Amino acid sequence: MAAAPPPALPDDLIEEILLRLPQDDPASLLCASLVCKTWSHIAKVKLKRALLQGELKRAQLQLLKNAQLQLQLEKEQLKVIQLQLQLEKEQLKVIQLEKEELNQLLQRRLCARHRSIKRT
């Protein structure tokens, strides 16, 4: 007569055992899945969950990197706008100086013409 198999471990106890395996080492879950069909099923579920969490973390990191790049781009665009504004201010100063010089030249010519008219 064959010996009776040992009683099966409850699924929650198997999950607890699998939780104690290194989470960053999928190979340990793969090895645990070779124990029996029940362990295989639970380990596969855990492995899929771990892979999905890893993908989720990678996606979150990518979103964070994209947000940081977007922020950096916006900062650079702001610098460009500030430089353009500064350039426009300088151009306005040049235009104002040219206007003043033209007014002075016009006043000198008007004074010279007025003097020439008085002499005649």
PDB file of N, CA and C in Angstrom:
ATOM      1  N   MET A   1       0.832  -1.175   0.000  1.00  0.00           N
ATOM      2  CA  MET A   1       0.000   0.000   0.000  1.00  0.00           C
ATOM      3  C   MET A   1       0.882   1.244   0.000  1.00  0.00           C
ATOM      4  N   ALA A   2       0.559   2.195  -0.889  1.00  0.00           N
ATOM      5  CA  ALA A   2       1.349   3.413  -1.028  1.00  0.00           C
ATOM      6  C   ALA A   2       1.003   4.387   0.081  1.00  0.00           C
ATOM      7  N   ALA A   3       1.992   5.150   0.461  1.00  0.00           N
ATOM      8  CA  ALA A   3       1.783   6.150   1.510  1.00  0.00           C
ATOM      9  C   ALA A   3       0.943   7.286   0.969  1.00  0.00           C
ATOM     10  N   ALA A   4       0.104   7.800   1.794  1.00  0.00           N
ATOM     11  CA  ALA A   4      -0.752   8.920   1.391  1.00  0.00           C
ATOM     12  C   ALA A   4       0.107  10.160   1.193  1.00  0.00           C
ATOM     13  N   PRO A   5      -0.215  10.957   0.146  1.00  0.00           N
ATOM     14  CA  PRO A   5       0.569  12.188  -0.077  1.00  0.00           C
ATOM     15  C   PRO A   5       0.352  13.152   1.074  1.00  0.00           C
ATOM     16  N   PRO A   6       1.338  13.997   1.320  1.00  0.00           N
ATOM     17  CA  PRO A   6       1.172  14.976   2.395  1.00  0.00           C
ATOM     18  C   PRO A   6       0.047  15.950   2.037  1.00  0.00           C
ATOM     19  N   PRO A   7      -0.581  16.516   3.038  1.00  0.00           N
ATOM     20  CA  PRO A   7      -1.672  17.455   2.741  1.00  0.00           C
ATOM     21  C   PRO A   7      -1.126  18.677   1.986  1.00  0.00           C
ATOM     22  N   ALA A   8      -1.927  19.173   1.077  1.00  0.00           N
ATOM     23  CA  ALA A   8      -1.528  20.337   0.276  1.00  0.00           C
ATOM     24  C   ALA A   8      -1.485  21.583   1.154  1.00  0.00           C
ATOM     25  N   LEU A   9      -0.526  22.400   0.865  1.00  0.00           N
ATOM     26  CA  LEU A   9      -0.430  23.680   1.583  1.00  0.00           C
ATOM     27  C   LEU A   9      -1.524  24.616   1.069  1.00  0.00           C
ATOM     28  N   PRO A  10      -2.107  25.398   1.938  1.00  0.00           N
ATOM     29  CA  PRO A  10      -3.102  26.380   1.477  1.00  0.00           C
ATOM     30  C   PRO A  10      -2.438  27.408   0.547  1.00  0.00           C
ATOM     31  N   ASP A  11      -3.213  27.903  -0.416  1.00  0.00           N
ATOM     32  CA  ASP A  11      -2.688  28.858  -1.399  1.00  0.00           C
ATOM     33  C   ASP A  11      -2.102  30.097  -0.741  1.00  0.00           C
ATOM     34  N   ASP A  12      -2.747  30.577   0.323  1.00  0.00           N
ATOM     35  CA  ASP A  12      -2.236  31.791   0.967  1.00  0.00           C
ATOM     36  C   ASP A  12      -0.867  31.542   1.608  1.00  0.00           C
ATOM     37  N   LEU A  13      -0.623  30.307   2.082  1.00  0.00           N
ATOM     38  CA  LEU A  13       0.682  29.981   2.648  1.00  0.00           C
ATOM     39  C   LEU A  13       1.742  29.897   1.539  1.00  0.00           C
ATOM     40  N   ILE A  14       1.346  29.338   0.393  1.00  0.00           N
ATOM     41  CA  ILE A  14       2.263  29.277  -0.754  1.00  0.00           C
ATOM     42  C   ILE A  14       2.598  30.689  -1.215  1.00  0.00           C
ATOM     43  N   GLU A  15       1.581  31.546  -1.276  1.00  0.00           N
ATOM     44  CA  GLU A  15       1.819  32.948  -1.677  1.00  0.00           C
ATOM     45  C   GLU A  15       2.770  33.624  -0.708  1.00  0.00           C
ATOM     46  N   GLU A  16       2.592  33.341   0.586  1.00  0.00           N
ATOM     47  CA  GLU A  16       3.485  33.930   1.597  1.00  0.00           C
ATOM     48  C   GLU A  16       4.925  33.463   1.379  1.00  0.00           C
ATOM     49  N   ILE A  17       5.082  32.200   1.057  1.00  0.00           N
ATOM     50  CA  ILE A  17       6.425  31.667   0.780  1.00  0.00           C
ATOM     51  C   ILE A  17       7.012  32.351  -0.442  1.00  0.00           C
ATOM     52  N   LEU A  18       6.198  32.487  -1.495  1.00  0.00           N
ATOM     53  CA  LEU A  18       6.682  33.111  -2.736  1.00  0.00           C
ATOM     54  C   LEU A  18       6.989  34.592  -2.533  1.00  0.00           C
ATOM     55  N   LEU A  19       6.265  35.227  -1.632  1.00  0.00           N
ATOM     56  CA  LEU A  19       6.531  36.639  -1.349  1.00  0.00           C
ATOM     57  C   LEU A  19       7.915  36.831  -0.725  1.00  0.00           C
ATOM     58  N   ARG A  20       8.392  35.817  -0.057  1.00  0.00           N
ATOM     59  CA  ARG A  20       9.695  35.916   0.601  1.00  0.00           C
ATOM     60  C   ARG A  20      10.858  35.675  -0.366  1.00  0.00           C
ATOM     61  N   LEU A  21      10.548  35.290  -1.590  1.00  0.00           N
ATOM     62  CA  LEU A  21      11.605  35.146  -2.609  1.00  0.00           C
ATOM     63  C   LEU A  21      12.021  36.531  -3.073  1.00  0.00           C
ATOM     64  N   PRO A  22      13.245  36.674  -3.570  1.00  0.00           N
ATOM     65  CA  PRO A  22      13.682  38.001  -4.059  1.00  0.00           C
ATOM     66  C   PRO A  22      12.768  38.505  -5.176  1.00  0.00           C
ATOM     67  N   GLN A  23      12.213  39.677  -4.977  1.00  0.00           N
ATOM     68  CA  GLN A  23      11.270  40.232  -5.946  1.00  0.00           C
ATOM     69  C   GLN A  23      11.946  40.703  -7.231  1.00  0.00           C
ATOM     70  N   ASP A  24      13.240  41.013  -7.141  1.00  0.00           N
ATOM     71  CA  ASP A  24      13.942  41.504  -8.323  1.00  0.00           C
ATOM     72  C   ASP A  24      14.604  40.375  -9.112  1.00  0.00           C
ATOM     73  N   ASP A  25      14.292  39.113  -8.735  1.00  0.00           N
ATOM     74  CA  ASP A  25      14.887  37.961  -9.407  1.00  0.00           C
ATOM     75  C   ASP A  25      13.785  37.045  -9.915  1.00  0.00           C
ATOM     76  N   PRO A  26      13.306  37.259 -11.149  1.00  0.00           N
ATOM     77  CA  PRO A  26      12.238  36.413 -11.688  1.00  0.00           C
ATOM     78  C   PRO A  26      12.640  34.940 -11.777  1.00  0.00           C
ATOM     79  N   ALA A  27      13.935  34.640 -11.840  1.00  0.00           N
ATOM     80  CA  ALA A  27      14.387  33.251 -11.924  1.00  0.00           C
ATOM     81  C   ALA A  27      13.998  32.471 -10.675  1.00  0.00           C
ATOM     82  N   SER A  28      13.966  33.123  -9.511  1.00  0.00           N
ATOM     83  CA  SER A  28      13.578  32.416  -8.284  1.00  0.00           C
ATOM     84  C   SER A  28      12.113  31.995  -8.350  1.00  0.00           C
ATOM     85  N   LEU A  29      11.257  32.840  -8.932  1.00  0.00           N
ATOM     86  CA  LEU A  29       9.857  32.450  -9.114  1.00  0.00           C
ATOM     87  C   LEU A  29       9.744  31.314 -10.114  1.00  0.00           C
ATOM     88  N   LEU A  30      10.576  31.348 -11.131  1.00  0.00           N
ATOM     89  CA  LEU A  30      10.567  30.284 -12.127  1.00  0.00           C
ATOM     90  C   LEU A  30      10.961  28.952 -11.483  1.00  0.00           C
ATOM     91  N   CYS A  31      11.972  28.960 -10.653  1.00  0.00           N
ATOM     92  CA  CYS A  31      12.388  27.736  -9.939  1.00  0.00           C
ATOM     93  C   CYS A  31      11.273  27.248  -9.016  1.00  0.00           C
ATOM     94  N   ALA A  32      10.613  28.168  -8.329  1.00  0.00           N
ATOM     95  CA  ALA A  32       9.535  27.784  -7.417  1.00  0.00           C
ATOM     96  C   ALA A  32       8.368  27.178  -8.185  1.00  0.00           C
ATOM     97  N   SER A  33       8.187  27.604  -9.416  1.00  0.00           N
ATOM     98  CA  SER A  33       7.073  27.067 -10.201  1.00  0.00           C
ATOM     99  C   SER A  33       7.281  25.600 -10.567  1.00  0.00           C
ATOM    100  N   LEU A  34       8.488  25.070 -10.396  1.00  0.00           N
ATOM    101  CA  LEU A  34       8.782  23.674 -10.732  1.00  0.00           C
ATOM    102  C   LEU A  34       8.429  22.710  -9.610  1.00  0.00           C
ATOM    103  N   VAL A  35       8.019  23.214  -8.445  1.00  0.00           N
ATOM    104  CA  VAL A  35       7.711  22.357  -7.290  1.00  0.00           C
ATOM    105  C   VAL A  35       6.522  21.448  -7.598  1.00  0.00           C
ATOM    106  N   CYS A  36       5.422  22.024  -8.023  1.00  0.00           N
ATOM    107  CA  CYS A  36       4.223  21.249  -8.370  1.00  0.00           C
ATOM    108  C   CYS A  36       3.285  22.150  -9.169  1.00  0.00           C
ATOM    109  N   LYS A  37       2.156  21.598  -9.619  1.00  0.00           N
ATOM    110  CA  LYS A  37       1.214  22.373 -10.441  1.00  0.00           C
ATOM    111  C   LYS A  37       0.649  23.564  -9.677  1.00  0.00           C
ATOM    112  N   THR A  38       0.313  23.368  -8.416  1.00  0.00           N
ATOM    113  CA  THR A  38      -0.249  24.470  -7.624  1.00  0.00           C
ATOM    114  C   THR A  38       0.764  25.598  -7.496  1.00  0.00           C
ATOM    115  N   TRP A  39       2.002  25.239  -7.156  1.00  0.00           N
ATOM    116  CA  TRP A  39       3.051  26.250  -7.030  1.00  0.00           C
ATOM    117  C   TRP A  39       3.291  26.908  -8.389  1.00  0.00           C
ATOM    118  N   SER A  40       3.231  26.100  -9.442  1.00  0.00           N
ATOM    119  CA  SER A  40       3.458  26.637 -10.785  1.00  0.00           C
ATOM    120  C   SER A  40       2.424  27.707 -11.116  1.00  0.00           C
ATOM    121  N   HIS A  41       1.162  27.393 -10.834  1.00  0.00           N
ATOM    122  CA  HIS A  41       0.089  28.354 -11.122  1.00  0.00           C
ATOM    123  C   HIS A  41       0.280  29.645 -10.318  1.00  0.00           C
ATOM    124  N   ILE A  42       0.498  29.510  -9.023  1.00  0.00           N
ATOM    125  CA  ILE A  42       0.649  30.687  -8.160  1.00  0.00           C
ATOM    126  C   ILE A  42       1.898  31.474  -8.544  1.00  0.00           C
ATOM    127  N   ALA A  43       2.990  30.771  -8.849  1.00  0.00           N
ATOM    128  CA  ALA A  43       4.231  31.455  -9.230  1.00  0.00           C
ATOM    129  C   ALA A  43       4.059  32.206 -10.545  1.00  0.00           C
ATOM    130  N   LYS A  44       3.336  31.606 -11.491  1.00  0.00           N
ATOM    131  CA  LYS A  44       3.104  32.287 -12.775  1.00  0.00           C
ATOM    132  C   LYS A  44       2.298  33.563 -12.578  1.00  0.00           C
ATOM    133  N   VAL A  45       1.293  33.479 -11.708  1.00  0.00           N
ATOM    134  CA  VAL A  45       0.492  34.677 -11.409  1.00  0.00           C
ATOM    135  C   VAL A  45       1.389  35.752 -10.794  1.00  0.00           C
ATOM    136  N   LYS A  46       2.232  35.326  -9.839  1.00  0.00           N
ATOM    137  CA  LYS A  46       3.153  36.268  -9.191  1.00  0.00           C
ATOM    138  C   LYS A  46       4.140  36.846 -10.207  1.00  0.00           C
ATOM    139  N   LEU A  47       4.636  35.975 -11.086  1.00  0.00           N
ATOM    140  CA  LEU A  47       5.607  36.416 -12.089  1.00  0.00           C
ATOM    141  C   LEU A  47       4.971  37.436 -13.029  1.00  0.00           C
ATOM    142  N   LYS A  48       3.750  37.133 -13.473  1.00  0.00           N
ATOM    143  CA  LYS A  48       3.048  38.083 -14.353  1.00  0.00           C
ATOM    144  C   LYS A  48       2.834  39.413 -13.635  1.00  0.00           C
ATOM    145  N   ARG A  49       2.440  39.320 -12.361  1.00  0.00           N
ATOM    146  CA  ARG A  49       2.215  40.538 -11.572  1.00  0.00           C
ATOM    147  C   ARG A  49       3.515  41.334 -11.431  1.00  0.00           C
ATOM    148  N   ALA A  50       4.623  40.604 -11.177  1.00  0.00           N
ATOM    149  CA  ALA A  50       5.922  41.278 -11.030  1.00  0.00           C
ATOM    150  C   ALA A  50       6.342  41.932 -12.342  1.00  0.00           C
ATOM    151  N   LEU A  51       6.105  41.228 -13.455  1.00  0.00           N
ATOM    152  CA  LEU A  51       6.455  41.802 -14.760  1.00  0.00           C
ATOM    153  C   LEU A  51       5.615  43.036 -15.059  1.00  0.00           C
ATOM    154  N   LEU A  52       4.313  42.953 -14.750  1.00  0.00           N
ATOM    155  CA  LEU A  52       3.440  44.106 -14.976  1.00  0.00           C
ATOM    156  C   LEU A  52       3.853  45.290 -14.110  1.00  0.00           C
ATOM    157  N   GLN A  53       4.217  45.003 -12.856  1.00  0.00           N
ATOM    158  CA  GLN A  53       4.664  46.086 -11.974  1.00  0.00           C
ATOM    159  C   GLN A  53       5.952  46.698 -12.500  1.00  0.00           C
ATOM    160  N   GLY A  54       6.845  45.835 -13.021  1.00  0.00           N
ATOM    161  CA  GLY A  54       8.088  46.342 -13.607  1.00  0.00           C
ATOM    162  C   GLY A  54       7.809  47.229 -14.807  1.00  0.00           C
ATOM    163  N   GLU A  55       6.867  46.794 -15.653  1.00  0.00           N
ATOM    164  CA  GLU A  55       6.496  47.601 -16.818  1.00  0.00           C
ATOM    165  C   GLU A  55       5.854  48.903 -16.375  1.00  0.00           C
ATOM    166  N   LEU A  56       5.028  48.825 -15.336  1.00  0.00           N
ATOM    167  CA  LEU A  56       4.388  50.033 -14.815  1.00  0.00           C
ATOM    168  C   LEU A  56       5.436  51.007 -14.289  1.00  0.00           C
ATOM    169  N   LYS A  57       6.421  50.481 -13.558  1.00  0.00           N
ATOM    170  CA  LYS A  57       7.483  51.343 -13.029  1.00  0.00           C
ATOM    171  C   LYS A  57       8.277  51.969 -14.172  1.00  0.00           C
ATOM    172  N   ARG A  58       8.576  51.162 -15.197  1.00  0.00           N
ATOM    173  CA  ARG A  58       9.311  51.707 -16.347  1.00  0.00           C
ATOM    174  C   ARG A  58       8.498  52.790 -17.043  1.00  0.00           C
ATOM    175  N   ALA A  59       7.190  52.541 -17.180  1.00  0.00           N
ATOM    176  CA  ALA A  59       6.325  53.545 -17.812  1.00  0.00           C
ATOM    177  C   ALA A  59       6.279  54.818 -16.978  1.00  0.00           C
ATOM    178  N   GLN A  60       6.188  54.661 -15.649  1.00  0.00           N
ATOM    179  CA  GLN A  60       6.173  55.832 -14.775  1.00  0.00           C
ATOM    180  C   GLN A  60       7.487  56.599 -14.869  1.00  0.00           C
ATOM    181  N   LEU A  61       8.604  55.864 -14.906  1.00  0.00           N
ATOM    182  CA  LEU A  61       9.906  56.525 -15.045  1.00  0.00           C
ATOM    183  C   LEU A  61       9.999  57.262 -16.372  1.00  0.00           C
ATOM    184  N   GLN A  62       9.482  56.641 -17.435  1.00  0.00           N
ATOM    185  CA  GLN A  62       9.516  57.299 -18.737  1.00  0.00           C
ATOM    186  C   GLN A  62       8.667  58.562 -18.733  1.00  0.00           C
ATOM    187  N   LEU A  63       7.503  58.494 -18.086  1.00  0.00           N
ATOM    188  CA  LEU A  63       6.657  59.686 -17.971  1.00  0.00           C
ATOM    189  C   LEU A  63       7.372  60.791 -17.200  1.00  0.00           C
ATOM    190  N   LEU A  64       8.054  60.394 -16.129  1.00  0.00           N
ATOM    191  CA  LEU A  64       8.798  61.365 -15.333  1.00  0.00           C
ATOM    192  C   LEU A  64       9.918  61.985 -16.165  1.00  0.00           C
ATOM    193  N   LYS A  65      10.643  61.152 -16.911  1.00  0.00           N
ATOM    194  CA  LYS A  65      11.709  61.673 -17.768  1.00  0.00           C
ATOM    195  C   LYS A  65      11.141  62.612 -18.818  1.00  0.00           C
ATOM    196  N   ASN A  66       9.996  62.226 -19.414  1.00  0.00           N
ATOM    197  CA  ASN A  66       9.366  63.088 -20.415  1.00  0.00           C
ATOM    198  C   ASN A  66       8.942  64.422 -19.806  1.00  0.00           C
ATOM    199  N   ALA A  67       8.406  64.375 -18.594  1.00  0.00           N
ATOM    200  CA  ALA A  67       7.996  65.611 -17.919  1.00  0.00           C
ATOM    201  C   ALA A  67       9.212  66.490 -17.627  1.00  0.00           C
ATOM    202  N   GLN A  68      10.322  65.863 -17.215  1.00  0.00           N
ATOM    203  CA  GLN A  68      11.531  66.631 -16.944  1.00  0.00           C
ATOM    204  C   GLN A  68      12.076  67.251 -18.231  1.00  0.00           C
ATOM    205  N   LEU A  69      12.046  66.486 -19.326  1.00  0.00           N
ATOM    206  CA  LEU A  69      12.501  67.022 -20.611  1.00  0.00           C
ATOM    207  C   LEU A  69      11.608  68.164 -21.065  1.00  0.00           C
ATOM    208  N   GLN A  70      10.291  68.004 -20.876  1.00  0.00           N
ATOM    209  CA  GLN A  70       9.357  69.065 -21.243  1.00  0.00           C
ATOM    210  C   GLN A  70       9.628  70.322 -20.431  1.00  0.00           C
ATOM    211  N   LEU A  71       9.880  70.155 -19.138  1.00  0.00           N
ATOM    212  CA  LEU A  71      10.183  71.286 -18.275  1.00  0.00           C
ATOM    213  C   LEU A  71      11.477  71.965 -18.710  1.00  0.00           C
ATOM    214  N   GLN A  72      12.476  71.164 -19.041  1.00  0.00           N
ATOM    215  CA  GLN A  72      13.749  71.718 -19.508  1.00  0.00           C
ATOM    216  C   GLN A  72      13.550  72.474 -20.819  1.00  0.00           C
ATOM    217  N   LEU A  73      12.743  71.908 -21.719  1.00  0.00           N
ATOM    218  CA  LEU A  73      12.457  72.574 -22.987  1.00  0.00           C
ATOM    219  C   LEU A  73      11.752  73.906 -22.752  1.00  0.00           C
ATOM    220  N   GLU A  74      10.789  73.905 -21.845  1.00  0.00           N
ATOM    221  CA  GLU A  74      10.068  75.142 -21.546  1.00  0.00           C
ATOM    222  C   GLU A  74      10.994  76.188 -20.937  1.00  0.00           C
ATOM    223  N   LYS A  75      11.943  75.748 -20.099  1.00  0.00           N
ATOM    224  CA  LYS A  75      12.912  76.685 -19.528  1.00  0.00           C
ATOM    225  C   LYS A  75      13.770  77.288 -20.634  1.00  0.00           C
ATOM    226  N   GLU A  76      14.196  76.449 -21.577  1.00  0.00           N
ATOM    227  CA  GLU A  76      15.009  76.945 -22.688  1.00  0.00           C
ATOM    228  C   GLU A  76      14.203  77.910 -23.556  1.00  0.00           C
ATOM    229  N   GLN A  77      12.942  77.592 -23.784  1.00  0.00           N
ATOM    230  CA  GLN A  77      12.090  78.484 -24.563  1.00  0.00           C
ATOM    231  C   GLN A  77      11.908  79.815 -23.846  1.00  0.00           C
ATOM    232  N   LEU A  78      11.789  79.770 -22.541  1.00  0.00           N
ATOM    233  CA  LEU A  78      11.664  81.001 -21.755  1.00  0.00           C
ATOM    234  C   LEU A  78      12.934  81.837 -21.879  1.00  0.00           C
ATOM    235  N   LYS A  79      14.097  81.184 -21.852  1.00  0.00           N
ATOM    236  CA  LYS A  79      15.356  81.910 -22.036  1.00  0.00           C
ATOM    237  C   LYS A  79      15.399  82.581 -23.397  1.00  0.00           C
ATOM    238  N   VAL A  80      14.944  81.866 -24.425  1.00  0.00           N
ATOM    239  CA  VAL A  80      14.927  82.435 -25.780  1.00  0.00           C
ATOM    240  C   VAL A  80      14.010  83.650 -25.827  1.00  0.00           C
ATOM    241  N   ILE A  81      12.847  83.539 -25.213  1.00  0.00           N
ATOM    242  CA  ILE A  81      11.899  84.660 -25.192  1.00  0.00           C
ATOM    243  C   ILE A  81      12.501  85.852 -24.447  1.00  0.00           C
ATOM    244  N   GLN A  82      13.193  85.587 -23.332  1.00  0.00           N
ATOM    245  CA  GLN A  82      13.834  86.663 -22.580  1.00  0.00           C
ATOM    246  C   GLN A  82      14.919  87.334 -23.410  1.00  0.00           C
ATOM    247  N   LEU A  83      15.691  86.533 -24.139  1.00  0.00           N
ATOM    248  CA  LEU A  83      16.726  87.106 -25.004  1.00  0.00           C
ATOM    249  C   LEU A  83      16.108  87.934 -26.129  1.00  0.00           C
ATOM    250  N   GLN A  84      15.006  87.443 -26.699  1.00  0.00           N
ATOM    251  CA  GLN A  84      14.326  88.201 -27.750  1.00  0.00           C
ATOM    252  C   GLN A  84      13.801  89.526 -27.198  1.00  0.00           C
ATOM    253  N   LEU A  85      13.263  89.481 -26.004  1.00  0.00           N
ATOM    254  CA  LEU A  85      12.758  90.696 -25.365  1.00  0.00           C
ATOM    255  C   LEU A  85      13.896  91.685 -25.119  1.00  0.00           C
ATOM    256  N   GLN A  86      15.019  91.167 -24.644  1.00  0.00           N
ATOM    257  CA  GLN A  86      16.177  92.020 -24.412  1.00  0.00           C
ATOM    258  C   GLN A  86      16.664  92.634 -25.731  1.00  0.00           C
ATOM    259  N   LEU A  87      16.681  91.835 -26.795  1.00  0.00           N
ATOM    260  CA  LEU A  87      17.092  92.338 -28.106  1.00  0.00           C
ATOM    261  C   LEU A  87      16.147  93.438 -28.581  1.00  0.00           C
ATOM    262  N   GLU A  88      14.851  93.226 -28.400  1.00  0.00           N
ATOM    263  CA  GLU A  88      13.878  94.234 -28.806  1.00  0.00           C
ATOM    264  C   GLU A  88      14.065  95.531 -28.012  1.00  0.00           C
ATOM    265  N   LYS A  89      14.380  95.413 -26.729  1.00  0.00           N
ATOM    266  CA  LYS A  89      14.644  96.608 -25.922  1.00  0.00           C
ATOM    267  C   LYS A  89      15.856  97.360 -26.464  1.00  0.00           C
ATOM    268  N   GLU A  90      16.904  96.614 -26.792  1.00  0.00           N
ATOM    269  CA  GLU A  90      18.106  97.250 -27.343  1.00  0.00           C
ATOM    270  C   GLU A  90      17.798  97.915 -28.684  1.00  0.00           C
ATOM    271  N   GLN A  91      16.995  97.251 -29.506  1.00  0.00           N
ATOM    272  CA  GLN A  91      16.620  97.839 -30.794  1.00  0.00           C
ATOM    273  C   GLN A  91      15.811  99.117 -30.589  1.00  0.00           C
ATOM    274  N   LEU A  92      14.932  99.104 -29.587  1.00  0.00           N
ATOM    275  CA  LEU A  92      14.164 100.319 -29.290  1.00  0.00           C
ATOM    276  C   LEU A  92      15.072 101.454 -28.834  1.00  0.00           C
ATOM    277  N   LYS A  93      16.096 101.118 -28.049  1.00  0.00           N
ATOM    278  CA  LYS A  93      17.047 102.148 -27.627  1.00  0.00           C
ATOM    279  C   LYS A  93      17.759 102.737 -28.833  1.00  0.00           C
ATOM    280  N   VAL A  94      18.180 101.879 -29.758  1.00  0.00           N
ATOM    281  CA  VAL A  94      18.868 102.349 -30.969  1.00  0.00           C
ATOM    282  C   VAL A  94      17.938 103.238 -31.778  1.00  0.00           C
ATOM    283  N   ILE A  95      16.690 102.824 -31.927  1.00  0.00           N
ATOM    284  CA  ILE A  95      15.722 103.622 -32.683  1.00  0.00           C
ATOM    285  C   ILE A  95      15.508 104.971 -32.002  1.00  0.00           C
ATOM    286  N   GLN A  96      15.427 104.978 -30.680  1.00  0.00           N
ATOM    287  CA  GLN A  96      15.247 106.220 -29.937  1.00  0.00           C
ATOM    288  C   GLN A  96      16.455 107.143 -30.131  1.00  0.00           C
ATOM    289  N   LEU A  97      17.649 106.574 -30.065  1.00  0.00           N
ATOM    290  CA  LEU A  97      18.860 107.382 -30.293  1.00  0.00           C
ATOM    291  C   LEU A  97      18.886 107.947 -31.703  1.00  0.00           C
ATOM    292  N   GLU A  98      18.541 107.118 -32.674  1.00  0.00           N
ATOM    293  CA  GLU A  98      18.509 107.601 -34.067  1.00  0.00           C
ATOM    294  C   GLU A  98      17.478 108.710 -34.224  1.00  0.00           C
ATOM    295  N   LYS A  99      16.351 108.557 -33.562  1.00  0.00           N
ATOM    296  CA  LYS A  99      15.311 109.585 -33.627  1.00  0.00           C
ATOM    297  C   LYS A  99      15.814 110.897 -33.032  1.00  0.00           C
ATOM    298  N   GLU A 100      16.486 110.777 -31.881  1.00  0.00           N
ATOM    299  CA  GLU A 100      17.036 111.986 -31.251  1.00  0.00           C
ATOM    300  C   GLU A 100      18.082 112.637 -32.146  1.00  0.00           C
ATOM    301  N   GLU A 101      18.941 111.826 -32.754  1.00  0.00           N
ATOM    302  CA  GLU A 101      19.971 112.380 -33.648  1.00  0.00           C
ATOM    303  C   GLU A 101      19.337 113.061 -34.841  1.00  0.00           C
ATOM    304  N   LEU A 102      18.296 112.456 -35.405  1.00  0.00           N
ATOM    305  CA  LEU A 102      17.607 113.069 -36.547  1.00  0.00           C
ATOM    306  C   LEU A 102      16.931 114.375 -36.140  1.00  0.00           C
ATOM    307  N   ASN A 103      16.328 114.404 -34.951  1.00  0.00           N
ATOM    308  CA  ASN A 103      15.698 115.641 -34.464  1.00  0.00           C
ATOM    309  C   ASN A 103      16.735 116.749 -34.291  1.00  0.00           C
ATOM    310  N   GLN A 104      17.914 116.371 -33.723  1.00  0.00           N
ATOM    311  CA  GLN A 104      18.977 117.362 -33.554  1.00  0.00           C
ATOM    312  C   GLN A 104      19.460 117.867 -34.905  1.00  0.00           C
ATOM    313  N   LEU A 105      19.639 116.982 -35.861  1.00  0.00           N
ATOM    314  CA  LEU A 105      20.080 117.375 -37.205  1.00  0.00           C
ATOM    315  C   LEU A 105      19.046 118.278 -37.860  1.00  0.00           C
ATOM    316  N   LEU A 106      17.773 117.926 -37.715  1.00  0.00           N
ATOM    317  CA  LEU A 106      16.700 118.731 -38.285  1.00  0.00           C
ATOM    318  C   LEU A 106      16.664 120.117 -37.639  1.00  0.00           C
ATOM    319  N   GLN A 107      16.844 120.183 -36.306  1.00  0.00           N
ATOM    320  CA  GLN A 107      16.860 121.472 -35.631  1.00  0.00           C
ATOM    321  C   GLN A 107      18.030 122.320 -36.112  1.00  0.00           C
ATOM    322  N   ARG A 108      19.224 121.685 -36.277  1.00  0.00           N
ATOM    323  CA  ARG A 108      20.373 122.447 -36.768  1.00  0.00           C
ATOM    324  C   ARG A 108      20.105 122.991 -38.167  1.00  0.00           C
ATOM    325  N   ARG A 109      19.521 122.199 -39.020  1.00  0.00           N
ATOM    326  CA  ARG A 109      19.233 122.662 -40.390  1.00  0.00           C
ATOM    327  C   ARG A 109      18.196 123.772 -40.389  1.00  0.00           C
ATOM    328  N   LEU A 110      17.179 123.601 -39.510  1.00  0.00           N
ATOM    329  CA  LEU A 110      16.168 124.641 -39.437  1.00  0.00           C
ATOM    330  C   LEU A 110      16.767 125.956 -38.921  1.00  0.00           C
ATOM    331  N   CYS A 111      17.646 125.841 -37.916  1.00  0.00           N
ATOM    332  CA  CYS A 111      18.300 127.040 -37.381  1.00  0.00           C
ATOM    333  C   CYS A 111      19.176 127.679 -38.464  1.00  0.00           C
ATOM    334  N   ALA A 112      19.910 126.841 -39.179  1.00  0.00           N
ATOM    335  CA  ALA A 112      20.777 127.368 -40.242  1.00  0.00           C
ATOM    336  C   ALA A 112      19.932 128.024 -41.319  1.00  0.00           C
ATOM    337  N   ARG A 113      18.854 127.453 -41.681  1.00  0.00           N
ATOM    338  CA  ARG A 113      17.984 128.039 -42.708  1.00  0.00           C
ATOM    339  C   ARG A 113      17.356 129.335 -42.215  1.00  0.00           C
ATOM    340  N   HIS A 114      16.956 129.304 -40.953  1.00  0.00           N
ATOM    341  CA  HIS A 114      16.352 130.504 -40.373  1.00  0.00           C
ATOM    342  C   HIS A 114      17.379 131.643 -40.369  1.00  0.00           C
ATOM    343  N   ARG A 115      18.639 131.347 -40.054  1.00  0.00           N
ATOM    344  CA  ARG A 115      19.680 132.358 -40.055  1.00  0.00           C
ATOM    345  C   ARG A 115      19.929 132.887 -41.452  1.00  0.00           C
ATOM    346  N   SER A 116      19.902 131.945 -42.411  1.00  0.00           N
ATOM    347  CA  SER A 116      20.163 132.388 -43.794  1.00  0.00           C
ATOM    348  C   SER A 116      19.027 133.263 -44.304  1.00  0.00           C
ATOM    349  N   ILE A 117      17.826 132.995 -43.871  1.00  0.00           N
ATOM    350  CA  ILE A 117      16.683 133.821 -44.284  1.00  0.00           C
ATOM    351  C   ILE A 117      16.792 135.180 -43.644  1.00  0.00           C
ATOM    352  N   LYS A 118      17.233 135.292 -42.393  1.00  0.00           N
ATOM    353  CA  LYS A 118      17.380 136.562 -41.715  1.00  0.00           C
ATOM    354  C   LYS A 118      18.451 137.421 -42.393  1.00  0.00           C
ATOM    355  N   ARG A 119      19.488 136.824 -42.853  1.00  0.00           N
ATOM    356  CA  ARG A 119      20.583 137.569 -43.494  1.00  0.00           C
ATOM    357  C   ARG A 119      20.150 138.178 -44.818  1.00  0.00           C
ATOM    358  N   THR A 120      19.241 137.563 -45.444  1.00  0.00           N
ATOM    359  CA  THR A 120      18.843 138.084 -46.746  1.00  0.00           C
ATOM    360  C   THR A 120      17.768 139.097 -46.696  1.00  0.00           C
TER     361      THR A 120
END
